[in-house]
Amino acid sequence: MKKSFKLEGLNCAHCAGQIEEGVAKLDGVTHVTMNFATTRLTIEGENDKMDNIVAAAMTIIKQVEPHIEVKKA
């Protein structure tokens, strides 16, 4: 399963890298791409774990950049 999100307010390339690295380590994630230029985060993972993956990804995003607004892309 694949899910994409727009991270509004992301203005730090280093932070984008931290988000990508953190999400990539989550259980069930098979591939993750964080495009800083478009502020789009794309997560691919196991279908049965996707709800947990997305919830954990939101936690990581808020830890790295608390002001970011996450929207479905």
N, C-alpha and C. Protein backbone atom coordinates (compact mmCIF):
# COMPACT_ATOMS: atom_id res chain seq x y z
N MET A 1 0.84 -1.17 0.00
CA MET A 1 0.00 0.00 0.00
C MET A 1 0.89 1.23 0.00
N LYS A 2 0.43 2.28 -0.66
CA LYS A 2 1.18 3.52 -0.76
C LYS A 2 0.31 4.68 -0.27
N LYS A 3 0.91 5.56 0.54
CA LYS A 3 0.21 6.76 1.03
C LYS A 3 1.13 7.95 0.81
N SER A 4 0.54 9.08 0.40
CA SER A 4 1.31 10.30 0.20
C SER A 4 0.72 11.44 1.01
N PHE A 5 1.62 12.29 1.50
CA PHE A 5 1.21 13.42 2.34
C PHE A 5 1.98 14.67 1.93
N LYS A 6 1.34 15.80 2.06
CA LYS A 6 1.95 17.11 1.83
C LYS A 6 2.27 17.69 3.20
N LEU A 7 3.53 18.06 3.42
CA LEU A 7 3.95 18.61 4.71
C LEU A 7 4.07 20.13 4.58
N GLU A 8 2.97 20.81 4.83
CA GLU A 8 2.95 22.27 4.70
C GLU A 8 3.72 22.91 5.84
N GLY A 9 4.62 23.81 5.47
CA GLY A 9 5.43 24.50 6.45
C GLY A 9 6.82 23.90 6.63
N LEU A 10 7.12 22.85 5.88
CA LEU A 10 8.45 22.24 5.96
C LEU A 10 9.43 23.14 5.19
N ASN A 11 10.39 23.70 5.92
CA ASN A 11 11.33 24.62 5.27
C ASN A 11 12.78 24.31 5.62
N CYS A 12 13.04 23.10 6.04
CA CYS A 12 14.38 22.71 6.47
C CYS A 12 14.74 21.38 5.81
N ALA A 13 15.76 21.40 4.94
CA ALA A 13 16.16 20.18 4.23
C ALA A 13 16.68 19.13 5.20
N HIS A 14 17.39 19.56 6.22
CA HIS A 14 17.90 18.61 7.22
C HIS A 14 16.74 17.92 7.94
N CYS A 15 15.72 18.69 8.28
CA CYS A 15 14.55 18.12 8.95
C CYS A 15 13.83 17.12 8.03
N ALA A 16 13.76 17.44 6.74
CA ALA A 16 13.15 16.51 5.79
C ALA A 16 13.90 15.19 5.79
N GLY A 17 15.22 15.26 5.85
CA GLY A 17 16.03 14.05 5.92
C GLY A 17 15.80 13.27 7.19
N GLN A 18 15.64 13.98 8.31
CA GLN A 18 15.37 13.30 9.58
C GLN A 18 14.02 12.59 9.53
N ILE A 19 13.04 13.23 8.94
CA ILE A 19 11.71 12.62 8.82
C ILE A 19 11.79 11.36 7.96
N GLU A 20 12.45 11.47 6.81
CA GLU A 20 12.58 10.31 5.92
C GLU A 20 13.30 9.16 6.62
N GLU A 21 14.38 9.47 7.30
CA GLU A 21 15.16 8.44 8.00
C GLU A 21 14.34 7.78 9.11
N GLY A 22 13.61 8.57 9.87
CA GLY A 22 12.80 8.02 10.96
C GLY A 22 11.68 7.14 10.46
N VAL A 23 10.98 7.58 9.43
CA VAL A 23 9.87 6.80 8.88
C VAL A 23 10.39 5.50 8.25
N ALA A 24 11.54 5.56 7.63
CA ALA A 24 12.11 4.37 6.98
C ALA A 24 12.38 3.26 7.98
N LYS A 25 12.62 3.60 9.24
CA LYS A 25 12.93 2.62 10.27
C LYS A 25 11.69 1.95 10.88
N LEU A 26 10.51 2.45 10.55
CA LEU A 26 9.29 1.91 11.14
C LEU A 26 9.00 0.50 10.64
N ASP A 27 8.46 -0.32 11.53
CA ASP A 27 8.10 -1.69 11.20
C ASP A 27 7.03 -1.71 10.12
N GLY A 28 7.27 -2.46 9.07
CA GLY A 28 6.31 -2.60 7.99
C GLY A 28 6.54 -1.68 6.81
N VAL A 29 7.43 -0.70 6.94
CA VAL A 29 7.73 0.22 5.84
C VAL A 29 8.66 -0.48 4.85
N THR A 30 8.28 -0.45 3.57
CA THR A 30 9.11 -1.05 2.53
C THR A 30 9.88 -0.01 1.75
N HIS A 31 9.35 1.22 1.67
CA HIS A 31 10.04 2.30 0.95
C HIS A 31 9.44 3.63 1.40
N VAL A 32 10.29 4.63 1.52
CA VAL A 32 9.82 5.97 1.88
C VAL A 32 10.63 6.99 1.09
N THR A 33 9.93 8.03 0.62
CA THR A 33 10.58 9.12 -0.09
C THR A 33 10.07 10.44 0.47
N MET A 34 10.99 11.30 0.86
CA MET A 34 10.65 12.65 1.32
C MET A 34 11.26 13.61 0.32
N ASN A 35 10.41 14.29 -0.46
CA ASN A 35 10.88 15.24 -1.45
C ASN A 35 10.78 16.63 -0.85
N PHE A 36 11.93 17.21 -0.51
CA PHE A 36 11.94 18.52 0.14
C PHE A 36 11.39 19.61 -0.78
N ALA A 37 11.70 19.53 -2.07
CA ALA A 37 11.26 20.56 -3.02
C ALA A 37 9.73 20.66 -3.11
N THR A 38 9.07 19.51 -3.07
CA THR A 38 7.61 19.50 -3.18
C THR A 38 6.94 19.32 -1.82
N THR A 39 7.72 19.10 -0.79
CA THR A 39 7.28 18.80 0.58
C THR A 39 6.31 17.61 0.62
N ARG A 40 6.57 16.64 -0.24
CA ARG A 40 5.72 15.44 -0.31
C ARG A 40 6.43 14.25 0.32
N LEU A 41 5.73 13.60 1.23
CA LEU A 41 6.22 12.37 1.86
C LEU A 41 5.39 11.22 1.31
N THR A 42 6.07 10.23 0.75
CA THR A 42 5.40 9.04 0.22
C THR A 42 5.91 7.83 0.98
N ILE A 43 4.96 7.08 1.52
CA ILE A 43 5.29 5.89 2.32
C ILE A 43 4.68 4.67 1.65
N GLU A 44 5.49 3.65 1.46
CA GLU A 44 5.00 2.36 0.98
C GLU A 44 5.25 1.35 2.09
N GLY A 45 4.23 0.52 2.34
CA GLY A 45 4.38 -0.45 3.41
C GLY A 45 3.35 -1.55 3.34
N GLU A 46 3.45 -2.44 4.30
CA GLU A 46 2.53 -3.57 4.38
C GLU A 46 1.12 -3.08 4.68
N ASN A 47 0.15 -3.61 3.94
CA ASN A 47 -1.24 -3.17 4.08
C ASN A 47 -1.77 -3.25 5.51
N ASP A 48 -1.50 -4.37 6.17
CA ASP A 48 -2.07 -4.58 7.49
C ASP A 48 -1.40 -3.71 8.57
N LYS A 49 -0.28 -3.10 8.27
CA LYS A 49 0.41 -2.26 9.24
C LYS A 49 0.33 -0.77 8.92
N MET A 50 -0.34 -0.43 7.81
CA MET A 50 -0.31 0.95 7.33
C MET A 50 -0.90 1.95 8.32
N ASP A 51 -1.97 1.60 9.02
CA ASP A 51 -2.54 2.53 9.99
C ASP A 51 -1.53 2.87 11.08
N ASN A 52 -0.82 1.85 11.58
CA ASN A 52 0.20 2.08 12.61
C ASN A 52 1.38 2.86 12.05
N ILE A 53 1.75 2.57 10.81
CA ILE A 53 2.86 3.27 10.17
C ILE A 53 2.54 4.77 10.05
N VAL A 54 1.34 5.08 9.58
CA VAL A 54 0.94 6.48 9.40
C VAL A 54 0.90 7.19 10.76
N ALA A 55 0.35 6.55 11.77
CA ALA A 55 0.29 7.17 13.10
C ALA A 55 1.69 7.44 13.64
N ALA A 56 2.60 6.48 13.47
CA ALA A 56 3.97 6.67 13.95
C ALA A 56 4.69 7.73 13.13
N ALA A 57 4.42 7.79 11.83
CA ALA A 57 5.03 8.82 10.98
C ALA A 57 4.59 10.21 11.42
N MET A 58 3.32 10.36 11.77
CA MET A 58 2.82 11.67 12.23
C MET A 58 3.53 12.09 13.52
N THR A 59 3.79 11.13 14.39
CA THR A 59 4.51 11.42 15.63
C THR A 59 5.93 11.88 15.32
N ILE A 60 6.59 11.20 14.39
CA ILE A 60 7.96 11.58 14.00
C ILE A 60 7.97 12.99 13.41
N ILE A 61 7.03 13.27 12.53
CA ILE A 61 6.95 14.60 11.90
C ILE A 61 6.80 15.68 12.96
N LYS A 62 5.91 15.48 13.91
CA LYS A 62 5.66 16.49 14.96
C LYS A 62 6.85 16.63 15.90
N GLN A 63 7.62 15.56 16.10
CA GLN A 63 8.82 15.65 16.93
C GLN A 63 9.90 16.47 16.23
N VAL A 64 10.03 16.28 14.93
CA VAL A 64 11.07 16.98 14.17
C VAL A 64 10.67 18.44 13.90
N GLU A 65 9.44 18.66 13.48
CA GLU A 65 8.95 19.99 13.13
C GLU A 65 7.51 20.15 13.65
N PRO A 66 7.33 20.61 14.88
CA PRO A 66 6.00 20.68 15.49
C PRO A 66 4.99 21.56 14.75
N HIS A 67 5.46 22.53 13.97
CA HIS A 67 4.55 23.46 13.30
C HIS A 67 4.01 22.96 11.96
N ILE A 68 4.52 21.84 11.46
CA ILE A 68 4.11 21.33 10.16
C ILE A 68 2.65 20.88 10.18
N GLU A 69 1.93 21.23 9.12
CA GLU A 69 0.57 20.76 8.94
C GLU A 69 0.60 19.65 7.88
N VAL A 70 0.12 18.47 8.25
CA VAL A 70 0.14 17.31 7.36
C VAL A 70 -1.21 17.18 6.68
N LYS A 71 -1.17 17.11 5.33
CA LYS A 71 -2.39 16.94 4.56
C LYS A 71 -2.22 15.77 3.62
N LYS A 72 -3.31 15.11 3.30
CA LYS A 72 -3.25 14.02 2.31
C LYS A 72 -2.93 14.61 0.95
N ALA A 73 -2.09 13.91 0.21
CA ALA A 73 -1.70 14.40 -1.11
C ALA A 73 -2.36 13.58 -2.19
